[in-house]
N, C-alpha and C. Protein backbone atom coordinates (compact mmCIF):
# COMPACT_ATOMS: atom_id res chain seq x y z
N MET A 1 -5.76 -0.19 50.46
CA MET A 1 -5.46 -0.01 49.04
C MET A 1 -5.14 1.47 48.79
N THR A 2 -4.02 1.74 48.18
CA THR A 2 -3.60 3.11 47.90
C THR A 2 -4.29 3.63 46.65
N SER A 3 -4.18 4.97 46.47
CA SER A 3 -4.77 5.58 45.28
C SER A 3 -4.11 5.06 44.02
N GLN A 4 -2.80 4.70 44.13
CA GLN A 4 -2.10 4.18 42.96
C GLN A 4 -2.66 2.82 42.55
N ASP A 5 -3.09 2.01 43.57
CA ASP A 5 -3.64 0.71 43.25
C ASP A 5 -5.00 0.82 42.59
N ARG A 6 -5.73 1.91 42.91
CA ARG A 6 -7.06 2.07 42.34
C ARG A 6 -7.03 2.71 40.96
N THR A 7 -5.86 3.11 40.51
CA THR A 7 -5.75 3.78 39.21
C THR A 7 -6.08 2.79 38.09
N THR A 8 -6.89 3.22 37.15
CA THR A 8 -7.25 2.37 36.02
C THR A 8 -6.04 2.19 35.11
N PRO A 9 -5.70 0.96 34.75
CA PRO A 9 -4.54 0.75 33.88
C PRO A 9 -4.78 1.36 32.52
N PRO A 10 -3.70 1.88 31.90
CA PRO A 10 -3.85 2.50 30.58
C PRO A 10 -4.26 1.46 29.55
N PRO A 11 -4.95 1.88 28.49
CA PRO A 11 -5.34 0.93 27.45
C PRO A 11 -4.13 0.33 26.77
N GLN A 12 -4.28 -0.91 26.32
CA GLN A 12 -3.18 -1.61 25.69
C GLN A 12 -2.79 -0.92 24.39
N GLN A 13 -1.49 -0.76 24.20
CA GLN A 13 -0.97 -0.11 23.00
C GLN A 13 -0.60 -1.16 21.96
N TYR A 14 -0.88 -0.84 20.70
CA TYR A 14 -0.58 -1.76 19.61
C TYR A 14 0.38 -1.08 18.64
N ALA A 15 1.32 -1.85 18.14
CA ALA A 15 2.28 -1.31 17.20
C ALA A 15 1.60 -1.03 15.86
N GLN A 16 2.10 0.01 15.19
CA GLN A 16 1.59 0.31 13.86
C GLN A 16 1.96 -0.81 12.89
N ARG A 17 1.09 -1.00 11.91
CA ARG A 17 1.36 -1.99 10.87
C ARG A 17 1.49 -1.28 9.55
N SER A 18 2.54 -1.60 8.83
CA SER A 18 2.79 -0.98 7.53
C SER A 18 2.81 -2.05 6.45
N TYR A 19 2.29 -1.69 5.29
CA TYR A 19 2.20 -2.64 4.18
C TYR A 19 2.75 -1.97 2.92
N ARG A 20 3.63 -2.70 2.23
CA ARG A 20 4.17 -2.27 0.95
C ARG A 20 4.32 -3.50 0.08
N SER A 21 4.44 -3.27 -1.22
CA SER A 21 4.59 -4.37 -2.16
C SER A 21 6.07 -4.65 -2.41
N PRO A 22 6.60 -5.80 -1.97
CA PRO A 22 8.02 -6.10 -2.21
C PRO A 22 8.35 -6.14 -3.69
N ALA A 23 7.45 -6.69 -4.52
CA ALA A 23 7.72 -6.75 -5.97
C ALA A 23 7.82 -5.36 -6.56
N ALA A 24 6.94 -4.44 -6.13
CA ALA A 24 6.99 -3.07 -6.64
C ALA A 24 8.27 -2.37 -6.20
N LEU A 25 8.69 -2.58 -4.96
CA LEU A 25 9.91 -1.97 -4.47
C LEU A 25 11.12 -2.45 -5.27
N ALA A 26 11.20 -3.76 -5.51
CA ALA A 26 12.33 -4.31 -6.26
C ALA A 26 12.31 -3.83 -7.71
N GLY A 27 11.14 -3.88 -8.35
CA GLY A 27 11.06 -3.44 -9.74
C GLY A 27 11.34 -1.96 -9.89
N GLY A 28 10.82 -1.14 -8.98
CA GLY A 28 11.07 0.29 -9.05
C GLY A 28 12.53 0.64 -8.86
N THR A 29 13.20 -0.05 -7.94
CA THR A 29 14.62 0.20 -7.73
C THR A 29 15.43 -0.12 -8.98
N LEU A 30 15.13 -1.25 -9.62
CA LEU A 30 15.85 -1.63 -10.84
C LEU A 30 15.60 -0.63 -11.96
N LEU A 31 14.34 -0.19 -12.11
CA LEU A 31 14.02 0.77 -13.16
C LEU A 31 14.72 2.11 -12.92
N LEU A 32 14.78 2.54 -11.68
CA LEU A 32 15.45 3.80 -11.38
C LEU A 32 16.95 3.71 -11.66
N LEU A 33 17.56 2.60 -11.27
CA LEU A 33 18.99 2.43 -11.54
C LEU A 33 19.27 2.41 -13.04
N LEU A 34 18.42 1.72 -13.80
CA LEU A 34 18.60 1.68 -15.25
C LEU A 34 18.40 3.06 -15.86
N GLY A 35 17.36 3.77 -15.43
CA GLY A 35 17.11 5.10 -15.97
C GLY A 35 18.21 6.08 -15.63
N LEU A 36 18.71 6.03 -14.40
CA LEU A 36 19.80 6.93 -14.02
C LEU A 36 21.08 6.61 -14.77
N TRP A 37 21.32 5.34 -15.03
CA TRP A 37 22.52 4.96 -15.78
C TRP A 37 22.44 5.48 -17.22
N LEU A 38 21.31 5.23 -17.88
CA LEU A 38 21.16 5.70 -19.25
C LEU A 38 21.11 7.22 -19.33
N GLY A 39 20.34 7.84 -18.42
CA GLY A 39 20.25 9.29 -18.43
C GLY A 39 21.56 9.95 -18.07
N GLY A 40 22.27 9.39 -17.10
CA GLY A 40 23.57 9.96 -16.75
C GLY A 40 24.57 9.87 -17.88
N ASP A 41 24.55 8.77 -18.61
CA ASP A 41 25.45 8.63 -19.76
C ASP A 41 25.14 9.67 -20.82
N ALA A 42 23.84 9.92 -21.07
CA ALA A 42 23.46 10.94 -22.05
C ALA A 42 23.84 12.33 -21.59
N LEU A 43 23.72 12.60 -20.30
CA LEU A 43 24.10 13.92 -19.79
C LEU A 43 25.60 14.16 -19.89
N LEU A 44 26.37 13.12 -19.75
CA LEU A 44 27.83 13.27 -19.77
C LEU A 44 28.40 13.28 -21.18
N ARG A 45 27.82 12.51 -22.08
CA ARG A 45 28.43 12.30 -23.40
C ARG A 45 27.67 12.97 -24.54
N GLY A 46 26.43 13.37 -24.33
CA GLY A 46 25.63 13.88 -25.43
C GLY A 46 25.88 15.35 -25.72
N ASP A 47 25.31 15.81 -26.85
CA ASP A 47 25.37 17.23 -27.18
C ASP A 47 24.31 17.98 -26.37
N THR A 48 24.19 19.27 -26.65
CA THR A 48 23.26 20.10 -25.85
C THR A 48 21.83 19.60 -25.95
N HIS A 49 21.38 19.31 -27.17
CA HIS A 49 20.01 18.84 -27.36
C HIS A 49 19.79 17.51 -26.65
N THR A 50 20.75 16.61 -26.76
CA THR A 50 20.63 15.30 -26.11
C THR A 50 20.62 15.44 -24.59
N ARG A 51 21.45 16.34 -24.07
CA ARG A 51 21.50 16.53 -22.62
C ARG A 51 20.19 17.09 -22.08
N LEU A 52 19.63 18.08 -22.78
CA LEU A 52 18.36 18.64 -22.33
C LEU A 52 17.24 17.60 -22.42
N THR A 53 17.26 16.81 -23.50
CA THR A 53 16.23 15.77 -23.64
C THR A 53 16.35 14.75 -22.51
N ALA A 54 17.59 14.36 -22.19
CA ALA A 54 17.80 13.39 -21.11
C ALA A 54 17.38 13.98 -19.76
N LEU A 55 17.66 15.27 -19.56
CA LEU A 55 17.29 15.91 -18.30
C LEU A 55 15.77 15.91 -18.11
N PHE A 56 15.04 16.32 -19.15
CA PHE A 56 13.58 16.35 -19.04
C PHE A 56 12.99 14.93 -18.94
N ALA A 57 13.64 13.98 -19.60
CA ALA A 57 13.19 12.59 -19.50
C ALA A 57 13.34 12.07 -18.07
N LEU A 58 14.45 12.45 -17.42
CA LEU A 58 14.64 12.04 -16.03
C LEU A 58 13.64 12.73 -15.11
N LEU A 59 13.36 14.02 -15.38
CA LEU A 59 12.37 14.73 -14.57
C LEU A 59 10.98 14.11 -14.70
N LEU A 60 10.71 13.51 -15.86
CA LEU A 60 9.43 12.82 -16.06
C LEU A 60 9.47 11.41 -15.51
N GLY A 61 10.53 10.68 -15.83
CA GLY A 61 10.56 9.25 -15.51
C GLY A 61 10.79 8.93 -14.05
N VAL A 62 11.71 9.65 -13.40
CA VAL A 62 12.04 9.32 -12.00
C VAL A 62 10.83 9.52 -11.08
N PRO A 63 10.14 10.68 -11.12
CA PRO A 63 8.94 10.80 -10.26
C PRO A 63 7.85 9.80 -10.62
N LEU A 64 7.71 9.49 -11.92
CA LEU A 64 6.65 8.57 -12.34
C LEU A 64 6.90 7.16 -11.79
N VAL A 65 8.13 6.69 -11.96
CA VAL A 65 8.48 5.36 -11.45
C VAL A 65 8.39 5.33 -9.92
N THR A 66 8.89 6.38 -9.28
CA THR A 66 8.83 6.45 -7.82
C THR A 66 7.40 6.44 -7.32
N ALA A 67 6.51 7.17 -8.01
CA ALA A 67 5.12 7.27 -7.58
C ALA A 67 4.42 5.93 -7.59
N PHE A 68 4.69 5.12 -8.61
CA PHE A 68 3.93 3.87 -8.76
C PHE A 68 4.61 2.67 -8.13
N THR A 69 5.86 2.80 -7.70
CA THR A 69 6.56 1.64 -7.14
C THR A 69 7.03 1.85 -5.70
N LEU A 70 7.75 2.94 -5.43
CA LEU A 70 8.33 3.15 -4.11
C LEU A 70 7.40 3.92 -3.16
N ARG A 71 6.54 4.75 -3.70
CA ARG A 71 5.72 5.61 -2.85
C ARG A 71 4.54 4.91 -2.17
N PRO A 72 3.81 4.00 -2.83
CA PRO A 72 2.61 3.43 -2.20
C PRO A 72 2.89 2.79 -0.84
N LEU A 73 2.02 3.11 0.11
CA LEU A 73 2.17 2.62 1.48
C LEU A 73 0.81 2.63 2.16
N VAL A 74 0.57 1.62 2.98
CA VAL A 74 -0.60 1.59 3.86
C VAL A 74 -0.09 1.43 5.28
N ARG A 75 -0.48 2.35 6.16
CA ARG A 75 -0.05 2.28 7.56
C ARG A 75 -1.28 2.33 8.45
N ALA A 76 -1.42 1.33 9.29
CA ALA A 76 -2.56 1.23 10.20
C ALA A 76 -2.11 1.52 11.61
N GLY A 77 -2.64 2.60 12.18
CA GLY A 77 -2.36 2.95 13.56
C GLY A 77 -3.56 2.67 14.44
N GLU A 78 -3.48 3.06 15.68
CA GLU A 78 -4.57 2.80 16.62
C GLU A 78 -5.80 3.65 16.31
N GLU A 79 -5.59 4.85 15.77
CA GLU A 79 -6.70 5.78 15.61
C GLU A 79 -7.08 6.04 14.15
N ARG A 80 -6.13 5.81 13.23
CA ARG A 80 -6.42 6.15 11.85
C ARG A 80 -5.66 5.25 10.89
N LEU A 81 -6.12 5.26 9.66
CA LEU A 81 -5.50 4.50 8.57
C LEU A 81 -4.95 5.49 7.56
N LEU A 82 -3.68 5.33 7.21
CA LEU A 82 -3.06 6.19 6.20
C LEU A 82 -2.84 5.38 4.93
N VAL A 83 -3.33 5.90 3.82
CA VAL A 83 -3.19 5.25 2.52
C VAL A 83 -2.42 6.21 1.61
N ARG A 84 -1.22 5.84 1.25
CA ARG A 84 -0.39 6.67 0.37
C ARG A 84 -0.35 6.02 -1.01
N ASN A 85 -1.01 6.64 -1.95
CA ASN A 85 -1.09 6.17 -3.32
C ASN A 85 -0.14 6.97 -4.20
N PRO A 86 -0.04 6.66 -5.50
CA PRO A 86 0.94 7.36 -6.35
C PRO A 86 0.87 8.88 -6.29
N PHE A 87 -0.32 9.46 -6.31
CA PHE A 87 -0.42 10.91 -6.39
C PHE A 87 -1.21 11.53 -5.24
N ARG A 88 -1.72 10.71 -4.32
CA ARG A 88 -2.49 11.25 -3.21
C ARG A 88 -2.17 10.50 -1.92
N THR A 89 -2.37 11.18 -0.80
CA THR A 89 -2.27 10.56 0.51
C THR A 89 -3.59 10.78 1.22
N ILE A 90 -4.22 9.69 1.64
CA ILE A 90 -5.53 9.75 2.28
C ILE A 90 -5.38 9.30 3.73
N THR A 91 -5.81 10.15 4.65
CA THR A 91 -5.79 9.84 6.07
C THR A 91 -7.23 9.64 6.54
N LEU A 92 -7.54 8.44 7.03
CA LEU A 92 -8.91 8.11 7.40
C LEU A 92 -8.96 7.69 8.87
N PRO A 93 -9.71 8.40 9.70
CA PRO A 93 -9.94 7.89 11.06
C PRO A 93 -10.73 6.60 10.98
N TRP A 94 -10.43 5.68 11.87
CA TRP A 94 -11.09 4.37 11.80
C TRP A 94 -12.61 4.49 11.95
N THR A 95 -13.07 5.52 12.65
CA THR A 95 -14.51 5.69 12.80
C THR A 95 -15.19 6.05 11.49
N ALA A 96 -14.43 6.53 10.51
CA ALA A 96 -15.00 6.87 9.21
C ALA A 96 -14.93 5.72 8.22
N VAL A 97 -14.16 4.69 8.54
CA VAL A 97 -14.00 3.56 7.63
C VAL A 97 -15.25 2.68 7.69
N GLU A 98 -15.88 2.51 6.53
CA GLU A 98 -17.11 1.72 6.46
C GLU A 98 -16.86 0.27 6.07
N GLY A 99 -15.75 0.00 5.41
CA GLY A 99 -15.47 -1.37 5.01
C GLY A 99 -14.16 -1.47 4.26
N LEU A 100 -13.65 -2.70 4.17
CA LEU A 100 -12.43 -3.02 3.44
C LEU A 100 -12.72 -4.23 2.56
N ARG A 101 -12.32 -4.15 1.29
CA ARG A 101 -12.63 -5.26 0.39
C ARG A 101 -11.52 -5.44 -0.62
N ALA A 102 -11.47 -6.62 -1.20
CA ALA A 102 -10.47 -6.95 -2.20
C ALA A 102 -11.15 -7.70 -3.33
N GLY A 103 -11.27 -7.08 -4.48
CA GLY A 103 -11.75 -7.74 -5.69
C GLY A 103 -10.58 -7.92 -6.62
N TYR A 104 -10.52 -7.07 -7.63
CA TYR A 104 -9.33 -7.03 -8.48
C TYR A 104 -8.30 -6.06 -7.93
N SER A 105 -8.69 -5.26 -6.93
CA SER A 105 -7.78 -4.39 -6.20
C SER A 105 -8.30 -4.26 -4.78
N THR A 106 -7.43 -3.86 -3.86
CA THR A 106 -7.86 -3.65 -2.48
C THR A 106 -8.41 -2.24 -2.34
N GLU A 107 -9.50 -2.10 -1.61
CA GLU A 107 -10.17 -0.81 -1.49
C GLU A 107 -10.65 -0.61 -0.06
N VAL A 108 -10.69 0.66 0.34
CA VAL A 108 -11.26 1.05 1.61
C VAL A 108 -12.41 2.01 1.33
N LEU A 109 -13.53 1.78 2.00
CA LEU A 109 -14.73 2.60 1.82
C LEU A 109 -14.89 3.48 3.04
N ALA A 110 -15.05 4.79 2.79
CA ALA A 110 -15.18 5.74 3.88
C ALA A 110 -15.96 6.95 3.42
N ASP A 111 -16.94 7.35 4.21
CA ASP A 111 -17.76 8.54 3.94
C ASP A 111 -18.35 8.52 2.53
N GLY A 112 -18.78 7.36 2.09
CA GLY A 112 -19.41 7.26 0.78
C GLY A 112 -18.45 7.25 -0.38
N ALA A 113 -17.15 7.31 -0.14
CA ALA A 113 -16.14 7.28 -1.20
C ALA A 113 -15.35 5.98 -1.13
N THR A 114 -14.72 5.63 -2.24
CA THR A 114 -13.91 4.42 -2.33
C THR A 114 -12.48 4.81 -2.71
N TYR A 115 -11.52 4.33 -1.95
CA TYR A 115 -10.11 4.63 -2.20
C TYR A 115 -9.35 3.32 -2.40
N GLN A 116 -8.60 3.26 -3.48
CA GLN A 116 -7.77 2.08 -3.72
C GLN A 116 -6.53 2.13 -2.84
N MET A 117 -6.02 0.95 -2.52
CA MET A 117 -4.79 0.83 -1.74
C MET A 117 -3.73 0.17 -2.61
N TRP A 118 -2.94 1.01 -3.27
CA TRP A 118 -1.94 0.53 -4.22
C TRP A 118 -0.87 -0.33 -3.55
N ALA A 119 -0.62 -0.09 -2.28
CA ALA A 119 0.46 -0.81 -1.59
C ALA A 119 0.11 -2.27 -1.32
N ILE A 120 -1.17 -2.64 -1.46
CA ILE A 120 -1.59 -4.02 -1.21
C ILE A 120 -2.22 -4.55 -2.50
N PRO A 121 -1.42 -4.97 -3.46
CA PRO A 121 -1.98 -5.45 -4.72
C PRO A 121 -2.64 -6.81 -4.56
N VAL A 122 -3.63 -7.06 -5.38
CA VAL A 122 -4.32 -8.35 -5.39
C VAL A 122 -3.69 -9.24 -6.46
N SER A 123 -3.28 -10.42 -6.06
CA SER A 123 -2.70 -11.38 -6.99
C SER A 123 -3.68 -12.54 -7.16
N LEU A 124 -4.27 -12.64 -8.34
CA LEU A 124 -5.17 -13.76 -8.61
C LEU A 124 -4.42 -15.08 -8.60
N ARG A 125 -3.15 -15.03 -8.99
CA ARG A 125 -2.34 -16.25 -8.97
C ARG A 125 -2.16 -16.76 -7.54
N GLN A 126 -1.90 -15.84 -6.59
CA GLN A 126 -1.77 -16.25 -5.20
C GLN A 126 -3.08 -16.82 -4.67
N ARG A 127 -4.18 -16.23 -5.07
CA ARG A 127 -5.48 -16.73 -4.61
C ARG A 127 -5.73 -18.15 -5.11
N LYS A 128 -5.42 -18.38 -6.39
CA LYS A 128 -5.61 -19.71 -6.93
C LYS A 128 -4.70 -20.72 -6.24
N LYS A 129 -3.46 -20.31 -5.99
CA LYS A 129 -2.52 -21.20 -5.30
C LYS A 129 -3.00 -21.52 -3.90
N ALA A 130 -3.48 -20.49 -3.17
CA ALA A 130 -3.98 -20.71 -1.82
C ALA A 130 -5.21 -21.61 -1.84
N GLY A 131 -6.07 -21.45 -2.85
CA GLY A 131 -7.25 -22.30 -2.97
C GLY A 131 -6.88 -23.74 -3.22
N ARG A 132 -5.88 -23.97 -4.08
CA ARG A 132 -5.44 -25.35 -4.36
C ARG A 132 -4.84 -25.98 -3.10
N GLN A 133 -4.05 -25.20 -2.34
CA GLN A 133 -3.47 -25.74 -1.11
C GLN A 133 -4.55 -26.09 -0.10
N ALA A 134 -5.58 -25.25 0.00
CA ALA A 134 -6.68 -25.53 0.93
C ALA A 134 -7.42 -26.80 0.52
N MET A 135 -7.63 -26.98 -0.79
CA MET A 135 -8.32 -28.17 -1.26
C MET A 135 -7.50 -29.42 -0.99
N ARG A 136 -6.17 -29.33 -1.21
CA ARG A 136 -5.33 -30.50 -0.93
C ARG A 136 -5.33 -30.83 0.56
N GLY A 137 -5.32 -29.78 1.41
CA GLY A 137 -5.35 -30.02 2.85
C GLY A 137 -6.65 -30.67 3.28
N THR A 138 -7.76 -30.24 2.67
CA THR A 138 -9.06 -30.84 3.00
C THR A 138 -9.13 -32.29 2.54
N ALA A 139 -8.57 -32.55 1.35
CA ALA A 139 -8.61 -33.92 0.83
C ALA A 139 -7.75 -34.87 1.65
N ALA A 140 -6.63 -34.36 2.21
CA ALA A 140 -5.74 -35.22 2.98
C ALA A 140 -6.23 -35.44 4.40
N ARG A 141 -7.21 -34.67 4.86
CA ARG A 141 -7.69 -34.79 6.22
C ARG A 141 -8.63 -36.00 6.32
N PRO A 142 -8.51 -36.84 7.36
CA PRO A 142 -9.40 -38.00 7.51
C PRO A 142 -10.84 -37.56 7.71
N ARG A 143 -11.74 -38.25 7.04
CA ARG A 143 -13.16 -37.91 7.12
C ARG A 143 -13.80 -38.44 8.39
N PHE A 144 -13.23 -39.51 8.97
CA PHE A 144 -13.82 -40.10 10.18
C PHE A 144 -12.72 -40.29 11.21
N GLY A 145 -13.13 -40.44 12.45
CA GLY A 145 -12.16 -40.70 13.51
C GLY A 145 -11.92 -39.46 14.35
N PRO A 146 -11.04 -39.57 15.34
CA PRO A 146 -10.83 -38.48 16.29
C PRO A 146 -10.19 -37.26 15.66
N HIS A 147 -9.50 -37.42 14.52
CA HIS A 147 -8.81 -36.29 13.89
C HIS A 147 -9.55 -35.79 12.66
N ALA A 148 -10.81 -36.12 12.55
CA ALA A 148 -11.55 -35.75 11.35
C ALA A 148 -11.70 -34.25 11.22
N ASP A 149 -11.87 -33.54 12.34
CA ASP A 149 -12.07 -32.09 12.30
C ASP A 149 -10.81 -31.32 12.63
N ALA A 150 -9.70 -32.00 12.80
CA ALA A 150 -8.45 -31.32 13.17
C ALA A 150 -7.66 -30.99 11.93
N GLY A 151 -7.33 -29.76 11.77
CA GLY A 151 -6.51 -29.34 10.64
C GLY A 151 -5.09 -29.07 11.08
N ASP A 152 -4.24 -28.75 10.13
CA ASP A 152 -2.85 -28.43 10.43
C ASP A 152 -2.67 -26.95 10.72
N GLY A 153 -3.73 -26.16 10.77
CA GLY A 153 -3.62 -24.73 11.00
C GLY A 153 -4.65 -24.00 10.16
N PRO A 154 -4.59 -22.69 10.17
CA PRO A 154 -5.53 -21.91 9.37
C PRO A 154 -5.34 -22.17 7.88
N ALA A 155 -6.41 -22.01 7.14
CA ALA A 155 -6.34 -22.21 5.70
C ALA A 155 -5.43 -21.18 5.07
N PRO A 156 -4.65 -21.56 4.06
CA PRO A 156 -3.75 -20.59 3.42
C PRO A 156 -4.53 -19.47 2.77
N ARG A 157 -3.97 -18.28 2.82
CA ARG A 157 -4.62 -17.09 2.28
C ARG A 157 -3.63 -16.32 1.43
N ALA A 158 -4.13 -15.62 0.41
CA ALA A 158 -3.28 -14.75 -0.39
C ALA A 158 -2.84 -13.57 0.48
N MET A 159 -1.72 -12.95 0.10
CA MET A 159 -1.16 -11.87 0.92
C MET A 159 -2.13 -10.71 1.07
N ALA A 160 -2.83 -10.34 0.00
CA ALA A 160 -3.78 -9.23 0.09
C ALA A 160 -4.91 -9.55 1.05
N ASP A 161 -5.42 -10.78 1.00
CA ASP A 161 -6.50 -11.17 1.90
C ASP A 161 -6.04 -11.22 3.36
N GLN A 162 -4.80 -11.67 3.58
CA GLN A 162 -4.25 -11.66 4.94
C GLN A 162 -4.13 -10.24 5.46
N ALA A 163 -3.64 -9.33 4.61
CA ALA A 163 -3.49 -7.94 5.03
C ALA A 163 -4.83 -7.32 5.39
N LEU A 164 -5.87 -7.60 4.60
CA LEU A 164 -7.19 -7.05 4.91
C LEU A 164 -7.75 -7.64 6.19
N ASP A 165 -7.49 -8.92 6.45
CA ASP A 165 -7.93 -9.52 7.71
C ASP A 165 -7.29 -8.78 8.90
N GLU A 166 -6.00 -8.46 8.78
CA GLU A 166 -5.32 -7.75 9.85
C GLU A 166 -5.87 -6.34 10.02
N LEU A 167 -6.14 -5.66 8.90
CA LEU A 167 -6.70 -4.31 8.98
C LEU A 167 -8.09 -4.31 9.61
N ARG A 168 -8.87 -5.34 9.30
CA ARG A 168 -10.20 -5.43 9.91
C ARG A 168 -10.09 -5.63 11.43
N GLU A 169 -9.08 -6.39 11.87
CA GLU A 169 -8.88 -6.58 13.30
C GLU A 169 -8.54 -5.25 13.97
N VAL A 170 -7.66 -4.46 13.35
CA VAL A 170 -7.30 -3.15 13.90
C VAL A 170 -8.53 -2.25 13.94
N ARG A 171 -9.33 -2.30 12.91
CA ARG A 171 -10.55 -1.48 12.87
C ARG A 171 -11.53 -1.87 13.97
N GLU A 172 -11.66 -3.16 14.23
CA GLU A 172 -12.57 -3.60 15.29
C GLU A 172 -12.09 -3.12 16.66
N ARG A 173 -10.77 -3.16 16.89
CA ARG A 173 -10.25 -2.65 18.17
C ARG A 173 -10.47 -1.15 18.29
N ALA A 174 -10.30 -0.43 17.17
CA ALA A 174 -10.44 1.03 17.20
C ALA A 174 -11.89 1.46 17.34
N ALA A 175 -12.84 0.58 17.06
CA ALA A 175 -14.26 0.96 17.11
C ALA A 175 -14.69 1.33 18.53
N HIS A 176 -13.96 0.87 19.55
CA HIS A 176 -14.33 1.14 20.94
C HIS A 176 -13.64 2.38 21.48
N ARG A 177 -12.85 3.05 20.65
CA ARG A 177 -12.15 4.24 21.11
C ARG A 177 -12.95 5.48 20.76
N ASP A 178 -12.80 6.50 21.59
CA ASP A 178 -13.48 7.77 21.35
C ASP A 178 -12.58 8.78 20.67
N THR A 179 -11.28 8.50 20.61
CA THR A 179 -10.36 9.45 20.00
C THR A 179 -10.55 9.50 18.49
N ALA A 180 -10.30 10.68 17.92
CA ALA A 180 -10.38 10.90 16.47
C ALA A 180 -11.77 10.61 15.92
N ARG A 181 -12.80 10.66 16.78
CA ARG A 181 -14.14 10.33 16.30
C ARG A 181 -14.68 11.40 15.36
N ASP A 182 -14.35 12.66 15.62
CA ASP A 182 -14.85 13.75 14.79
C ASP A 182 -13.85 14.20 13.74
N GLU A 183 -12.78 13.48 13.59
CA GLU A 183 -11.75 13.86 12.62
C GLU A 183 -12.23 13.52 11.21
N PRO A 184 -12.16 14.47 10.26
CA PRO A 184 -12.63 14.19 8.90
C PRO A 184 -11.59 13.41 8.10
N VAL A 185 -12.03 12.86 7.00
CA VAL A 185 -11.12 12.22 6.05
C VAL A 185 -10.31 13.31 5.34
N ALA A 186 -9.00 13.16 5.31
CA ALA A 186 -8.12 14.17 4.71
C ALA A 186 -7.45 13.58 3.47
N VAL A 187 -7.51 14.33 2.38
CA VAL A 187 -6.89 13.92 1.12
C VAL A 187 -5.90 14.99 0.69
N ARG A 188 -4.65 14.62 0.52
CA ARG A 188 -3.60 15.56 0.11
C ARG A 188 -2.96 15.09 -1.18
N TRP A 189 -2.77 16.01 -2.11
CA TRP A 189 -2.10 15.69 -3.37
C TRP A 189 -0.60 15.72 -3.18
N ALA A 190 0.11 14.86 -3.88
CA ALA A 190 1.57 14.76 -3.78
C ALA A 190 2.21 15.72 -4.78
N TYR A 191 2.26 17.01 -4.41
CA TYR A 191 2.80 18.00 -5.33
C TYR A 191 4.30 17.81 -5.55
N ALA A 192 5.00 17.22 -4.59
CA ALA A 192 6.42 16.96 -4.78
C ALA A 192 6.67 15.97 -5.90
N VAL A 193 5.69 15.16 -6.22
CA VAL A 193 5.77 14.23 -7.35
C VAL A 193 5.21 14.87 -8.61
N LEU A 194 4.09 15.56 -8.48
CA LEU A 194 3.40 16.11 -9.65
C LEU A 194 4.16 17.25 -10.30
N ALA A 195 4.82 18.10 -9.52
CA ALA A 195 5.49 19.28 -10.08
C ALA A 195 6.64 18.91 -11.02
N PRO A 196 7.63 18.12 -10.57
CA PRO A 196 8.69 17.75 -11.52
C PRO A 196 8.20 16.90 -12.67
N LEU A 197 7.17 16.10 -12.43
CA LEU A 197 6.61 15.28 -13.50
C LEU A 197 6.01 16.17 -14.59
N ALA A 198 5.30 17.23 -14.20
CA ALA A 198 4.72 18.14 -15.18
C ALA A 198 5.79 18.91 -15.93
N VAL A 199 6.83 19.36 -15.22
CA VAL A 199 7.93 20.07 -15.88
C VAL A 199 8.65 19.16 -16.87
N GLY A 200 8.91 17.94 -16.46
CA GLY A 200 9.58 17.00 -17.34
C GLY A 200 8.76 16.67 -18.57
N ALA A 201 7.45 16.47 -18.40
CA ALA A 201 6.60 16.15 -19.55
C ALA A 201 6.55 17.31 -20.53
N ALA A 202 6.39 18.55 -20.01
CA ALA A 202 6.33 19.71 -20.89
C ALA A 202 7.65 19.92 -21.61
N GLY A 203 8.76 19.82 -20.89
CA GLY A 203 10.06 20.01 -21.52
C GLY A 203 10.39 18.94 -22.54
N LEU A 204 9.97 17.70 -22.27
CA LEU A 204 10.25 16.61 -23.21
C LEU A 204 9.46 16.80 -24.50
N VAL A 205 8.22 17.28 -24.38
CA VAL A 205 7.42 17.54 -25.58
C VAL A 205 8.08 18.61 -26.44
N VAL A 206 8.59 19.67 -25.80
CA VAL A 206 9.26 20.74 -26.53
C VAL A 206 10.52 20.25 -27.21
N MET A 207 11.34 19.47 -26.49
CA MET A 207 12.60 19.01 -27.05
C MET A 207 12.36 18.04 -28.21
N LEU A 208 11.36 17.18 -28.11
CA LEU A 208 11.09 16.25 -29.20
C LEU A 208 10.49 16.94 -30.42
N ALA A 209 9.87 18.11 -30.21
CA ALA A 209 9.31 18.86 -31.31
C ALA A 209 10.36 19.66 -32.08
N LEU A 210 11.53 19.89 -31.47
CA LEU A 210 12.58 20.68 -32.14
C LEU A 210 13.31 19.87 -33.19
């Protein structure tokens, strides 16, 4: 046996998982197109006061819509979880994650703090629909006979609950790793969103007061 044969195989690599809200992406895109159309028309055809008002309105509205619709993201890697919310980005090593839960919103608990995950919204309607489908599947299953315990597959789950199940699986795999064990939870503010938003809000207040 050669030294190459005795080499320990590298640990299995897993692809990153990213989560975003399709409804938020679609709604945000439509709102941005509408706002740019209306604001662009005011910039081209309005007087000086109207143009300045439209400019500050765009500086306020575009970052605000982008922050709450296009920006939210959850990315799960092998060593850490990244949560990008409207105004903050939280990077959590898996060893610091204490739990994941979904009530009226999805949340991650780490180092005694709770962070919402805007990119994975909770839909009570989806939960009710999944519950009704599970009940219908149970009712249609024979109570006796060789197929009494055989189902057609896993019980239907709402999208938020499915996403949390997947994140919990990644967390369980990461629990056996030693990497990033001493890495602290990092929270960064999205100044690229906050700065133009503040300028737009202040300028719009001034223009409306004139």
